[in-house]
Protein backbone atom coordinates (compact mmCIF):
# COMPACT_ATOMS: atom_id res chain seq x y z
CA MET A 1 78.71 123.53 62.63
CA HIS A 2 77.72 127.10 63.49
CA VAL A 3 77.39 129.59 60.59
CA GLU A 4 76.89 133.33 61.10
CA SER A 5 73.97 134.75 59.08
CA ALA A 6 76.19 137.57 57.78
CA SER A 7 78.54 135.05 56.18
CA LEU A 8 75.82 133.26 54.16
CA PRO A 9 76.25 133.61 50.36
CA ASP A 10 73.77 135.68 48.37
CA SER A 11 73.60 133.58 45.20
CA TYR A 12 71.43 130.48 44.92
CA ALA A 13 74.28 128.33 43.56
CA ASP A 14 76.62 129.20 46.42
CA LEU A 15 73.87 128.63 49.01
CA LYS A 16 73.10 125.24 47.49
CA ALA A 17 76.79 124.26 47.60
CA LEU A 18 77.00 125.31 51.29
CA THR A 19 73.88 123.27 52.10
CA LEU A 20 75.28 120.17 50.41
CA SER A 21 78.57 120.54 52.28
CA LEU A 22 76.69 120.84 55.62
CA ILE A 23 74.66 117.73 54.79
CA GLU A 24 77.90 115.85 54.08
CA VAL A 25 79.42 117.04 57.39
CA LEU A 26 76.29 115.91 59.26
CA ARG A 27 76.39 112.53 57.53
CA HIS A 28 79.99 111.95 58.57
CA LYS A 29 79.19 113.12 62.07
CA SER A 30 76.23 110.71 62.29
CA LEU A 31 78.42 107.84 61.17
CA GLU A 32 81.03 108.74 63.78
CA VAL A 33 78.37 108.93 66.49
CA GLU A 34 77.03 105.50 65.51
CA SER A 35 80.58 104.09 65.56
CA LEU A 36 81.21 105.52 69.03
CA LYS A 37 77.89 104.15 70.30
CA PHE A 38 78.81 100.69 69.03
CA GLN A 39 82.25 100.91 70.67
CA LEU A 40 80.64 101.98 73.95
CA PHE A 41 78.15 99.11 73.74
CA GLN A 42 81.00 96.61 73.29
CA LEU A 43 83.04 98.08 76.15
CA ARG A 44 80.08 98.02 78.53
CA ARG A 45 79.23 94.49 77.44
CA TRP A 46 82.78 93.39 78.29
CA ARG A 47 82.59 95.11 81.66
CA PHE A 48 79.13 93.95 82.76
CA GLY A 49 78.84 90.73 80.77
CA ALA A 50 82.25 89.23 81.45
CA ALA A 51 81.24 87.07 84.38
CA SER A 52 78.35 85.46 82.54
CA GLU A 53 80.62 84.56 79.64
CA GLN A 54 83.03 82.69 81.95
CA LEU A 55 86.05 84.82 81.14
CA ASN A 56 89.20 83.86 82.98
CA ALA A 57 89.71 85.86 86.20
CA GLU A 58 93.28 86.70 85.24
CA GLN A 59 92.11 88.03 81.85
CA LEU A 60 89.63 90.27 83.66
CA ALA A 61 92.36 91.59 85.94
CA LEU A 62 94.55 92.43 82.96
CA TRP A 63 91.74 94.15 81.06
CA GLN A 64 89.98 95.98 83.86
CA ALA A 65 92.23 99.04 84.25
CA GLU A 66 92.39 99.80 80.52
CA LEU A 67 88.72 98.94 80.01
CA GLU A 68 87.51 101.63 82.42
CA ALA A 69 89.75 104.20 80.72
CA ASP A 70 88.43 103.19 77.28
CA ILE A 71 84.83 103.56 78.44
CA ALA A 72 85.48 107.02 79.89
CA ALA A 73 87.28 108.17 76.74
CA THR A 74 84.51 106.87 74.44
CA GLU A 75 81.77 108.49 76.54
CA SER A 76 83.66 111.79 76.43
CA LYS A 77 84.02 111.64 72.63
CA LEU A 78 80.36 110.72 72.26
CA ALA A 79 79.30 113.70 74.38
CA GLU A 80 81.27 116.01 72.09
CA HIS A 81 79.76 114.56 68.90
CA GLU A 82 76.18 113.97 70.07
CA LEU A 83 73.70 115.62 67.72
CA GLU A 84 70.73 115.79 70.13
CA PRO A 85 70.60 118.36 72.94
CA LYS A 86 71.99 116.98 76.21
CA ALA A 87 68.59 117.32 77.90
CA THR A 88 67.12 114.70 75.53
CA THR A 89 69.80 112.06 76.13
CA PRO A 90 68.91 109.31 78.62
CA ALA A 91 70.41 109.69 82.06
CA LYS A 92 73.57 107.67 82.50
CA ARG A 93 73.70 105.37 85.50
CA VAL A 94 76.47 106.56 87.79
CA ALA A 95 78.06 104.31 90.39
CA LYS A 96 77.47 105.41 93.96
CA ARG A 97 80.49 107.23 95.35
CA GLU A 98 81.95 105.68 98.48
CA LYS A 99 82.50 107.92 101.50
CA LEU A 100 86.15 108.88 101.93
CA PRO A 101 87.69 107.34 105.09
CA ASP A 102 87.50 109.56 108.18
CA TRP A 103 91.13 108.93 109.08
CA LEU A 104 92.47 110.61 105.94
CA PRO A 105 93.89 114.08 106.69
CA ARG A 106 91.79 116.97 105.41
CA VAL A 107 93.06 120.23 103.87
CA GLU A 108 90.33 122.86 104.04
CA HIS A 109 89.84 125.50 101.34
CA ARG A 110 87.40 128.24 102.37
CA HIS A 111 85.88 130.11 99.45
CA GLN A 112 84.41 133.58 100.02
CA PRO A 113 81.94 135.26 97.65
CA ALA A 114 83.13 138.21 95.58
CA SER A 115 80.49 140.38 97.27
CA CYS A 116 78.40 140.12 100.45
CA ASN A 117 75.45 141.81 98.71
CA CYS A 118 72.79 140.17 96.54
CA ALA A 119 73.63 140.49 92.85
CA GLN A 120 69.92 141.07 91.99
CA CYS A 121 68.67 143.57 94.57
CA GLY A 122 71.81 144.67 96.42
CA ALA A 123 70.56 143.62 99.89
CA PRO A 124 73.15 142.18 102.33
CA LEU A 125 73.54 138.38 102.29
CA LEU A 126 73.18 136.29 105.47
CA GLU A 127 75.09 133.02 106.01
CA ILE A 128 72.58 130.18 106.58
CA GLY A 129 74.91 127.17 106.36
CA GLU A 130 77.71 125.59 104.36
CA GLU A 131 78.02 123.39 101.32
CA ILE A 132 80.88 120.92 101.73
CA SER A 133 82.28 118.79 98.93
CA GLU A 134 85.36 116.58 99.08
CA GLN A 135 87.96 115.59 96.50
CA LEU A 136 90.56 112.87 96.92
CA ASP A 137 94.13 113.94 96.17
CA MET A 138 97.57 112.46 96.74
CA ILE A 139 101.20 113.46 97.04
CA PRO A 140 103.47 111.22 94.94
CA ALA A 141 105.70 108.93 96.98
CA LYS A 142 108.93 110.59 98.03
CA PHE A 143 111.99 109.62 100.00
CA PHE A 144 112.98 111.55 103.10
CA VAL A 145 115.58 111.17 105.82
CA HIS A 146 115.11 110.79 109.58
CA ARG A 147 117.86 112.67 111.43
CA HIS A 148 118.28 111.39 114.98
CA ILE A 149 120.06 114.15 116.90
CA ARG A 150 121.19 113.22 120.41
CA PRO A 151 123.06 115.50 122.78
CA LYS A 152 126.39 114.28 124.14
CA LEU A 153 126.57 114.93 127.89
CA ALA A 154 129.84 114.78 129.82
CA CYS A 155 130.36 114.11 133.52
CA ARG A 156 133.53 115.85 134.68
CA GLN A 157 133.56 114.01 137.99
CA CYS A 158 133.68 110.44 136.61
CA GLN A 159 135.06 111.39 133.19
CA THR A 160 132.24 109.71 131.22
CA VAL A 161 130.11 110.72 128.25
CA HIS A 162 126.37 110.05 128.15
CA SER A 163 123.90 110.16 125.22
CA PRO A 164 120.24 109.10 124.91
CA ALA A 165 119.74 105.72 123.26
CA LEU A 166 118.37 105.51 119.72
CA PRO A 167 114.89 104.01 119.27
CA ASN A 168 115.02 100.31 118.43
CA GLN A 169 114.96 99.66 114.70
CA PRO A 170 113.92 96.58 112.68
CA ILE A 171 117.50 96.34 111.37
CA ASP A 172 119.98 97.39 114.04
CA LYS A 173 122.17 100.28 112.81
CA GLY A 174 120.62 99.79 109.37
CA LEU A 175 119.86 102.46 106.79
CA PRO A 176 116.13 101.75 106.20
CA ALA A 177 113.36 103.05 108.46
CA PRO A 178 110.19 100.93 108.99
CA GLY A 179 108.28 102.80 106.28
CA LEU A 180 110.86 101.99 103.60
CA LEU A 181 111.08 98.35 104.67
CA ALA A 182 107.29 98.04 104.54
CA GLN A 183 107.28 99.60 101.07
CA VAL A 184 109.85 97.10 99.73
CA LEU A 185 107.95 94.15 101.24
CA ILE A 186 104.54 95.24 100.00
CA ALA A 187 105.82 96.12 96.53
CA LYS A 188 107.43 92.69 96.16
CA TYR A 189 104.89 90.38 97.80
CA ALA A 190 101.56 92.25 97.51
CA ASP A 191 102.07 94.28 94.31
CA HIS A 192 104.29 91.58 92.73
CA CYS A 193 107.04 94.03 91.73
CA PRO A 194 110.40 92.18 91.77
CA LEU A 195 113.42 93.85 93.36
CA HIS A 196 115.12 94.64 90.04
CA ARG A 197 112.04 96.62 88.97
CA GLN A 198 111.92 98.39 92.31
CA GLU A 199 115.58 99.29 91.86
CA GLY A 200 114.74 101.07 88.60
CA ILE A 201 111.70 102.84 90.10
CA TYR A 202 113.68 104.21 93.04
CA ALA A 203 116.52 105.28 90.75
CA ARG A 204 114.06 107.44 88.78
CA MET A 205 113.10 109.02 92.11
CA GLY A 206 116.75 109.95 92.67
CA VAL A 207 117.81 107.27 95.18
CA GLU A 208 120.06 104.35 94.30
CA LEU A 209 118.94 101.20 96.14
CA PRO A 210 120.71 98.12 94.72
CA ARG A 211 118.58 95.00 94.60
CA SER A 212 121.24 93.15 96.60
CA THR A 213 120.81 95.67 99.42
CA MET A 214 117.02 95.27 99.45
CA ALA A 215 117.39 91.47 99.34
CA GLY A 216 119.57 91.70 102.43
CA TRP A 217 116.90 93.74 104.21
CA ILE A 218 114.27 91.11 103.42
CA GLY A 219 116.59 88.46 104.85
CA TYR A 220 116.81 90.38 108.14
CA LEU A 221 113.05 90.82 108.21
CA GLU A 222 112.51 87.09 107.73
CA VAL A 223 114.20 86.47 111.08
CA LEU A 224 112.17 89.27 112.70
CA LEU A 225 108.79 88.10 111.34
CA GLU A 226 109.22 84.34 111.76
CA PRO A 227 108.19 84.20 115.45
CA LEU A 228 105.03 86.19 114.66
CA VAL A 229 104.04 83.78 111.86
CA GLU A 230 104.69 80.82 114.18
CA VAL A 231 102.19 82.32 116.63
CA LEU A 232 99.76 82.78 113.73
CA ARG A 233 100.23 79.12 112.78
CA GLY A 234 99.56 78.01 116.35
CA GLU A 235 96.32 79.97 116.54
CA LEU A 236 95.25 78.69 113.13
CA LEU A 237 95.71 75.06 114.23
CA ALA A 238 93.44 75.76 117.21
CA GLU A 239 90.52 76.13 114.77
CA ARG A 240 88.15 73.16 114.41
CA TYR A 241 87.73 73.61 110.64
CA LEU A 242 90.41 74.43 108.06
CA GLN A 243 90.71 74.48 104.28
CA ALA A 244 93.88 73.46 102.45
CA ASP A 245 95.18 73.73 98.91
CA GLU A 246 98.50 74.00 97.09
CA THR A 247 99.99 75.49 93.93
CA THR A 248 103.25 75.11 92.05
CA VAL A 249 106.11 77.61 92.26
CA PRO A 250 109.14 77.32 89.95
CA VAL A 251 112.41 77.43 91.91
CA LEU A 252 115.78 78.19 90.34
CA ALA A 253 118.14 75.23 90.60
CA PRO A 254 121.66 76.73 91.00
CA GLY A 255 124.26 75.45 88.56
CA THR A 256 121.78 73.81 86.18
CA GLY A 257 120.32 76.85 84.43
CA HIS A 258 116.88 75.30 84.89
CA THR A 259 114.06 75.55 87.40
CA ALA A 260 112.68 72.89 89.68
CA THR A 261 109.04 72.72 90.78
CA GLY A 262 108.34 73.79 94.34
CA TYR A 263 104.96 73.88 96.06
CA LEU A 264 103.26 76.57 98.08
CA TRP A 265 100.75 74.99 100.49
CA ALA A 266 98.05 77.18 102.01
CA TYR A 267 95.90 76.55 105.10
CA ARG A 268 93.13 78.94 106.13
CA SER A 269 90.26 79.17 108.58
CA GLY A 270 86.69 78.86 107.37
CA PRO A 271 84.94 81.87 105.82
CA TRP A 272 82.58 82.20 108.81
CA SER A 273 85.23 81.78 111.49
CA ALA A 274 85.78 84.61 113.99
CA ARG A 275 89.53 84.22 113.34
CA GLN A 276 90.24 84.96 109.67
CA ALA A 277 93.74 83.66 109.09
CA VAL A 278 95.84 81.91 106.45
CA VAL A 279 99.34 80.44 106.70
CA PHE A 280 101.51 79.38 103.76
CA ASP A 281 104.12 76.63 103.78
CA PHE A 282 106.76 76.25 101.05
CA GLN A 283 108.23 72.86 100.16
CA LEU A 284 110.27 71.56 97.24
CA ASN A 285 107.81 68.78 96.39
CA ARG A 286 104.22 67.64 96.84
CA SER A 287 104.99 64.83 99.26
CA LYS A 288 102.29 63.68 101.68
CA GLN A 289 104.64 64.28 104.62
CA TRP A 290 104.29 68.09 104.38
CA PRO A 291 100.58 68.44 105.27
CA LEU A 292 101.10 65.77 107.93
CA GLN A 293 103.97 67.80 109.37
CA PHE A 294 102.23 71.18 109.17
CA LEU A 295 98.94 69.94 110.66
CA HIS A 296 100.58 68.14 113.57
CA GLY A 297 98.38 68.79 116.60
CA PHE A 298 95.31 69.81 114.56
CA ALA A 299 92.03 68.02 115.34
CA GLY A 300 88.88 68.84 113.41
CA ILE A 301 87.59 69.04 109.84
CA LEU A 302 89.91 69.62 106.88
CA GLN A 303 88.37 70.55 103.52
CA VAL A 304 90.46 69.58 100.49
CA ASP A 305 90.07 68.85 96.79
CA GLY A 306 90.64 65.09 96.96
CA TYR A 307 94.43 65.04 96.47
CA ALA A 308 95.80 61.75 97.82
CA GLY A 309 98.58 63.57 99.67
CA TYR A 310 96.16 64.33 102.51
CA HIS A 311 95.17 60.71 103.11
CA ASP A 312 97.72 60.18 105.89
CA VAL A 313 96.27 63.21 107.70
CA PHE A 314 92.83 61.58 107.73
CA ARG A 315 94.18 58.14 108.62
CA SER A 316 94.92 59.24 112.19
CA GLY A 317 91.20 59.64 112.89
CA LYS A 318 91.69 63.05 114.52
CA VAL A 319 91.03 64.89 111.25
CA ILE A 320 87.82 64.42 109.26
CA GLU A 321 87.66 65.07 105.52
CA ALA A 322 85.23 67.51 103.94
CA GLY A 323 84.93 67.52 100.16
CA CYS A 324 84.81 70.32 97.61
CA VAL A 325 81.64 70.45 95.49
CA ALA A 326 83.32 72.91 93.10
CA HIS A 327 85.92 70.28 92.16
CA ALA A 328 83.21 67.70 91.52
CA ARG A 329 81.38 70.24 89.38
CA ARG A 330 84.59 70.98 87.45
CA LYS A 331 84.82 67.35 86.31
CA PHE A 332 81.34 67.51 84.76
CA TYR A 333 82.01 70.95 83.30
CA GLU A 334 85.09 69.62 81.47
CA VAL A 335 83.06 66.71 80.08
CA HIS A 336 80.29 69.03 78.91
CA GLU A 337 82.74 71.46 77.30
CA ALA A 338 84.40 68.64 75.39
CA THR A 339 81.40 66.49 74.41
CA LYS A 340 78.24 68.52 75.08
CA SER A 341 76.97 65.47 76.97
CA PRO A 342 73.35 65.89 78.15
CA PHE A 343 74.26 63.78 81.22
CA ALA A 344 77.02 66.20 82.18
CA ARG A 345 74.62 69.09 81.62
CA HIS A 346 72.07 67.50 83.94
CA ALA A 347 74.76 67.11 86.63
CA LEU A 348 75.70 70.79 86.27
CA LEU A 349 72.07 71.84 86.67
CA GLU A 350 71.67 69.75 89.84
CA ILE A 351 74.82 71.26 91.36
CA ALA A 352 73.59 74.74 90.42
CA LYS A 353 70.55 74.13 92.64
CA LEU A 354 72.90 73.52 95.58
CA TYR A 355 74.70 76.81 94.96
CA ALA A 356 71.40 78.69 94.72
CA ILE A 357 70.60 77.47 98.24
CA GLU A 358 74.04 78.59 99.43
CA ALA A 359 73.40 82.09 98.08
CA GLU A 360 70.33 82.28 100.35
CA ALA A 361 72.16 80.80 103.34
CA LYS A 362 75.37 82.87 103.33
CA ASP A 363 74.06 85.57 105.71
CA LEU A 364 72.41 83.20 108.18
CA ILE A 365 73.92 82.05 111.47
CA ALA A 366 75.51 78.58 111.49
CA THR A 367 72.53 76.69 112.99
CA GLU A 368 70.06 78.30 110.58
CA ARG A 369 72.37 77.61 107.65
CA ALA A 370 72.66 73.93 108.58
CA ALA A 371 68.87 73.62 108.99
CA LEU A 372 68.25 75.18 105.58
CA ARG A 373 70.79 72.87 103.95
CA ARG A 374 69.28 69.74 105.49
CA ALA A 375 65.75 70.75 104.51
CA ARG A 376 66.43 71.78 100.93
CA ALA A 377 69.87 70.61 99.77
CA GLY A 378 69.58 67.18 101.44
CA PRO A 379 66.76 65.90 99.17
CA ILE A 380 68.55 67.27 96.08
CA LEU A 381 71.74 65.40 96.99
CA ASP A 382 69.82 62.17 97.66
CA GLY A 383 68.20 62.33 94.24
CA PHE A 384 71.46 63.33 92.60
CA LYS A 385 73.30 60.35 94.10
CA HIS A 386 70.61 57.95 92.86
CA TRP A 387 70.89 59.47 89.36
CA LEU A 388 74.72 59.22 89.44
CA GLU A 389 74.60 55.51 90.34
CA HIS A 390 72.01 54.78 87.65
CA THR A 391 73.95 56.75 85.00
CA LEU A 392 77.28 55.14 85.93
CA ALA A 393 75.80 51.70 85.30
CA GLN A 394 74.96 52.75 81.72
CA ALA A 395 78.09 54.79 80.88
CA PRO A 396 81.13 53.22 79.15
CA PRO A 397 83.54 52.25 81.96
CA ARG A 398 86.53 54.29 80.76
CA SER A 399 84.64 57.31 79.44
CA ALA A 400 85.23 60.82 80.76
CA LEU A 401 81.65 60.87 82.09
CA ALA A 402 82.24 57.66 84.04
CA LYS A 403 85.41 59.13 85.55
CA ALA A 404 83.57 62.30 86.60
CA ILE A 405 80.78 60.25 88.21
CA GLY A 406 83.32 57.95 89.86
CA TYR A 407 85.19 60.94 91.33
CA THR A 408 81.95 62.29 92.81
CA LEU A 409 80.65 59.00 94.21
CA HIS A 410 84.04 58.04 95.66
CA ARG A 411 84.02 61.26 97.75
CA TRP A 412 80.28 61.34 98.42
CA THR A 413 80.48 61.17 102.21
CA ALA A 414 83.01 64.03 102.29
CA LEU A 415 81.06 66.08 99.74
CA GLN A 416 77.81 66.08 101.72
CA ARG A 417 79.48 66.71 105.10
CA TYR A 418 78.69 70.42 104.81
CA LEU A 419 74.96 69.65 105.21
CA ASP A 420 75.14 69.08 108.97
CA ASP A 421 77.63 71.80 109.91
CA GLY A 422 76.75 75.42 109.20
CA MET A 423 80.37 76.53 109.68
CA LEU A 424 81.53 74.45 106.70
CA ASN A 425 81.65 75.91 103.21
CA ILE A 426 80.21 74.06 100.24
CA ASP A 427 83.56 74.20 98.44
CA ASN A 428 87.23 75.07 98.71
CA ASN A 429 86.95 78.33 96.75
CA PRO A 430 87.92 80.59 99.69
CA ILE A 431 91.37 78.97 100.00
CA GLU A 432 91.80 79.08 96.23
CA ARG A 433 91.17 82.83 96.30
CA THR A 434 93.95 83.32 98.86
CA LEU A 435 96.35 81.61 96.45
CA ARG A 436 95.62 84.06 93.64
CA GLY A 437 98.12 86.62 94.95
CA ALA A 438 100.90 84.03 94.90
CA THR A 439 99.81 82.89 91.44
CA LEU A 440 100.01 86.43 90.06
CA GLY A 441 103.37 86.91 91.76
CA ARG A 442 104.59 83.71 90.10
CA LYS A 443 103.77 85.18 86.69
CA ASN A 444 105.85 88.29 87.45
CA TYR A 445 108.82 86.64 89.16
CA LEU A 446 108.99 83.65 86.78
CA PHE A 447 110.69 81.71 89.60
CA CYS A 448 111.88 81.86 93.21
CA GLY A 449 115.62 82.38 93.44
CA SER A 450 116.14 79.59 95.97
CA GLU A 451 114.49 77.33 98.50
CA GLY A 452 115.11 80.04 101.11
CA GLY A 453 113.36 82.56 98.84
CA GLY A 454 110.32 80.30 98.70
CA ARG A 455 110.21 80.03 102.49
CA ARG A 456 110.51 83.82 102.85
CA ALA A 457 107.67 84.27 100.37
CA ALA A 458 105.47 81.86 102.36
CA LEU A 459 106.25 83.73 105.57
CA ILE A 460 105.37 87.17 104.22
CA TYR A 461 102.38 85.95 102.16
CA SER A 462 100.92 84.59 105.42
CA LEU A 463 100.80 88.06 106.98
CA ILE A 464 99.76 89.92 103.83
CA GLU A 465 96.90 87.57 102.95
CA THR A 466 95.71 87.49 106.58
CA CYS A 467 95.63 91.31 106.45
CA LYS A 468 93.46 91.11 103.34
CA LEU A 469 91.06 88.65 104.97
CA ASN A 470 90.62 91.13 107.83
CA ARG A 471 90.29 94.19 105.53
CA ILE A 472 93.52 95.73 106.78
CA ALA A 473 95.87 97.76 104.58
CA PRO A 474 99.08 95.64 104.58
CA TYR A 475 101.41 98.66 104.30
CA ILE A 476 99.97 100.40 107.38
CA TYR A 477 100.11 97.11 109.28
CA PHE A 478 103.75 96.41 108.41
CA VAL A 479 104.93 99.93 109.26
CA GLU A 480 103.54 99.58 112.77
CA ILE A 481 104.57 96.01 113.56
CA LEU A 482 108.10 96.59 112.24
CA THR A 483 108.29 99.45 114.75
CA LYS A 484 107.08 97.26 117.63
CA LEU A 485 108.60 93.84 116.92
CA PRO A 486 112.21 94.66 117.95
CA THR A 487 111.11 95.22 121.57
CA CYS A 488 108.01 93.00 121.67
CA ARG A 489 108.01 90.21 124.27
CA ALA A 490 107.07 86.71 123.14
CA LYS A 491 103.91 86.70 125.25
CA ASP A 492 102.73 89.92 123.53
CA LEU A 493 103.16 88.65 119.95
CA PRO A 494 99.47 87.59 119.59
CA GLU A 495 98.47 91.25 119.96
CA LEU A 496 100.34 92.01 116.71
CA LEU A 497 98.46 89.44 114.61
CA PRO A 498 96.23 91.16 112.00
CA TYR A 499 92.89 90.10 113.51
CA HIS A 500 93.96 91.35 116.99
CA TRP A 501 95.91 94.41 115.83
CA GLN A 502 94.52 97.87 116.46
CA PRO A 503 95.96 100.61 114.22
CA ASN A 504 97.60 103.55 115.95
CA ARG A 505 95.64 106.56 114.72
CA ALA A 506 98.05 108.83 116.64
CA ALA A 507 101.02 107.79 114.51
CA PRO A 508 103.38 110.70 113.77
CA GLN A 509 102.69 112.79 110.68
CA TYR A 510 105.85 114.13 109.07
CA GLN A 511 105.71 117.65 107.63
CA LEU A 512 108.14 117.64 104.73
CA ALA A 513 109.54 120.70 103.04
């Protein structure tokens, strides 16, 4: 509180009363500062300490956006109420700002000084360089209309009328341009915004787009995109090492008012493969025939979580099983969480040693990674297996610990297969991460509207998630391939796959009024 000297009271009693009131204000201010500091400590602890406390990944995703805003607001309030001069406060660690992409358009603002003479001595100023700073801005999404104007040309001699042909469109004679179609697809399958929500969003922007109309567009695009995904599937099956996993998807059962349980199967290349690809397959059940059908023609190593539905795939002898150490670890983690068993804790510590080695090996080439694993992880696994067999002999046969040990020993050959092949991952976590988008979408949709809807979702998820694996913006990718697919020859389809695709930096820029 700032008090002018002229406004101070003359009498001792009034001055004493003013002093006491200032002390009370300062006390309240100190309490508020301490409260804000405690809030900031908690917020930062949530942000930086979440991973160590094993918070659920979905919880983190829900909290993250609001958490950053809360931290910024609390820091701002604390700066306003801080009693000490700013120079005495410890420097706040600021995250390093990433360079803005070169392909973003730039709008230059040139600022000229008020005077070309020095403010101190009046001498003329000389330009010795420039200081350039950049800010990121955006124009809110807006609809606009393409007007295709074609001259009509008449031939008097043969009495005919000629006109240039329209460019090929994803939907022949349809209303939507490629950009709008890409927006609807990405909003539904990447941003998990169902069509009825999109309908409301577009209505607020002044354009009525019924959900039935957009659903029809997606149906047309399914037919257009299906050959491209088939080519993607063919190239994926040419890999020598794949990972597979599946998750449930509720499907509306017409006429019953209930939902049935469908399954979204996912198959992806290894994390160190030159071809980063994933293909989804939707089926109405978890039958063993579906992986057998999808993987027809594949020969190599398949890494799975131990589900019996893959056994027929391995029975042919052309496909070799690799196990998932993370699933084995999960069994012991569940036992330890429930019983605090020291045996389960010991198993977790041994597996942690394996993951510490993987952290060192992740940036090595395949041969070096395999050599490191054999030299350091091999002895750990040998000792761990001996301990598992000894502990199993002492554990009650039907106990949770015995089941966890039995799961691990039963898959031991598959679990240690990663030791001799540097291209194999220690676990199935990469394929599980590709399923997260579908899992989040499932929470927003509640269910797929039909079996056909599930198959469309699998088709489009395949391209979107492959884009993500190759660090490609799905919207930019879809705008361009939807422009090219109508006239693309079958032999040229591989060029449009995300890991082969080259973005067109010379794409037209529309100047809108």
